[in-house]
Protein backbone atom coordinates (compact mmCIF):
# COMPACT_ATOMS: atom_id res chain seq x y z
CA MET A 1 -108.72 -48.05 -55.43
CA GLU A 2 -110.39 -51.43 -55.80
CA PHE A 3 -110.71 -50.79 -59.54
CA VAL A 4 -106.97 -50.10 -59.91
CA ILE A 5 -106.01 -53.19 -57.95
CA ASP A 6 -108.36 -55.36 -60.02
CA PHE A 7 -107.00 -53.85 -63.22
CA LEU A 8 -103.37 -54.45 -62.23
CA LYS A 9 -104.06 -58.05 -61.16
CA ILE A 10 -105.85 -58.86 -64.41
CA TYR A 11 -103.24 -57.05 -66.52
CA ALA A 12 -100.39 -58.92 -64.82
CA SER A 13 -102.26 -62.18 -65.29
CA GLY A 14 -102.73 -61.48 -69.00
CA LEU A 15 -99.06 -60.61 -69.43
CA ARG A 16 -98.07 -63.77 -67.57
CA PHE A 17 -100.42 -65.90 -69.69
CA LEU A 18 -99.09 -64.49 -72.96
CA SER A 19 -95.47 -64.22 -71.80
CA PRO A 20 -94.22 -66.99 -74.16
CA ILE A 21 -95.52 -65.05 -77.15
CA LEU A 22 -94.21 -61.74 -75.79
CA VAL A 23 -90.76 -63.25 -75.17
CA VAL A 24 -90.61 -64.59 -78.74
CA LEU A 25 -91.61 -61.20 -80.17
CA ILE A 26 -89.12 -59.30 -78.01
CA GLY A 27 -86.43 -61.87 -78.84
CA THR A 28 -87.18 -61.39 -82.54
CA ILE A 29 -86.78 -57.63 -82.19
CA VAL A 30 -83.49 -58.09 -80.34
CA GLY A 31 -82.17 -60.65 -82.85
CA LEU A 32 -83.10 -58.58 -85.88
CA GLY A 33 -81.68 -55.45 -84.27
CA LEU A 34 -78.37 -57.15 -83.54
CA ARG A 35 -78.24 -58.46 -87.12
CA ILE A 36 -78.83 -54.95 -88.49
CA GLY A 37 -76.16 -53.64 -86.13
CA ALA A 38 -73.69 -56.22 -87.45
CA LEU A 39 -74.49 -55.32 -91.06
CA GLU A 40 -74.18 -51.59 -90.37
CA GLY A 41 -71.16 -51.80 -88.05
CA TRP A 42 -73.01 -50.38 -85.04
CA SER A 43 -72.30 -51.18 -81.39
CA ARG A 44 -74.66 -53.62 -79.66
CA SER A 45 -76.21 -50.85 -77.58
CA ASN A 46 -76.85 -48.71 -80.66
CA ALA A 47 -78.31 -51.70 -82.51
CA LEU A 48 -80.68 -52.51 -79.65
CA TYR A 49 -81.59 -48.84 -79.30
CA PHE A 50 -82.42 -48.70 -83.02
CA ALA A 51 -84.44 -51.93 -82.81
CA PHE A 52 -86.67 -50.80 -79.96
CA ILE A 53 -87.08 -47.25 -81.27
CA THR A 54 -88.17 -48.79 -84.58
CA ALA A 55 -90.39 -51.43 -82.94
CA THR A 56 -92.24 -48.82 -80.90
CA SER A 57 -92.62 -46.69 -84.06
CA VAL A 58 -90.92 -43.71 -82.41
CA GLY A 59 -88.20 -43.56 -85.07
CA TYR A 60 -86.01 -40.66 -83.99
CA GLY A 61 -83.93 -41.00 -87.16
CA ASP A 62 -80.55 -40.71 -85.46
CA PHE A 63 -79.74 -44.24 -86.65
CA HIS A 64 -80.97 -45.66 -89.90
CA PRO A 65 -79.87 -48.60 -92.02
CA THR A 66 -78.08 -47.87 -95.27
CA ARG A 67 -77.65 -51.40 -96.62
CA HIS A 68 -80.42 -53.02 -98.63
CA GLY A 69 -80.71 -56.14 -96.43
CA ALA A 70 -80.69 -54.10 -93.24
CA LYS A 71 -83.57 -51.99 -94.54
CA TRP A 72 -85.69 -55.11 -95.04
CA LEU A 73 -84.84 -56.28 -91.54
CA ALA A 74 -85.89 -52.86 -90.19
CA ILE A 75 -89.27 -53.32 -91.87
CA ALA A 76 -89.58 -56.71 -90.16
CA ILE A 77 -88.75 -55.07 -86.80
CA ALA A 78 -91.48 -52.50 -87.38
CA LEU A 79 -94.06 -55.18 -88.20
CA VAL A 80 -93.15 -57.27 -85.15
CA GLY A 81 -93.27 -54.11 -83.03
CA VAL A 82 -96.80 -53.32 -84.22
CA LEU A 83 -97.87 -56.86 -83.32
CA LEU A 84 -96.22 -56.63 -79.89
CA THR A 85 -97.80 -53.26 -79.19
CA GLY A 86 -101.21 -54.52 -80.28
CA ILE A 87 -101.02 -57.52 -77.97
CA ILE A 88 -99.97 -55.41 -74.99
CA VAL A 89 -102.72 -52.87 -75.65
CA SER A 90 -105.35 -55.59 -76.08
CA ILE A 91 -104.35 -57.14 -72.74
CA GLY A 92 -104.74 -53.71 -71.15
CA LEU A 93 -108.15 -53.16 -72.72
CA GLU A 94 -109.37 -56.57 -71.62
CA ALA A 95 -108.09 -55.93 -68.09
CA LEU A 96 -109.79 -52.54 -68.05
CA SER A 97 -113.07 -54.00 -69.26
CA HIS A 98 -112.93 -56.87 -66.77
CA ALA A 99 -112.03 -54.59 -63.85
CA PHE A 100 -114.87 -52.26 -64.78
CA ARG A 101 -117.34 -55.15 -64.79
CA GLU A 102 -116.00 -56.43 -61.45
CA VAL A 103 -116.32 -53.07 -59.72
CA ARG A 104 -119.78 -52.45 -61.15
CA GLY A 105 -120.92 -55.98 -60.34
CA VAL A 106 -121.86 -56.60 -63.96
CA THR A 107 -121.55 -60.19 -65.08
CA ALA A 108 -122.58 -59.80 -68.71
CA PRO A 109 -120.43 -57.96 -71.28
CA ILE A 110 -121.09 -54.24 -71.46
CA ALA A 111 -123.09 -53.28 -74.55
CA PRO A 112 -121.63 -50.50 -76.72
């Protein structure tokens, strides 16, 4: 249980530290999604749904842009989503590594 608590504390700290970057990336996804929605004539909720499904690379395919400009914006959403996902995963990996070292009492980095 100590490991989980350490992990969650470190993960939350990492998210808090990088929150300005995360907010900008999420804001970019929202802004681009709303712009695509305006170009395609979608509702706001459908535009945001499309943006986050695209950003997380799920891509159900129930909504897709048909206009040339909207397709380029969808590519931008996908790239920003990959960056956002990578940052969140790297924070988790660092928290996991740190929590593991704390529980084991290891002060030096763990060799591969």
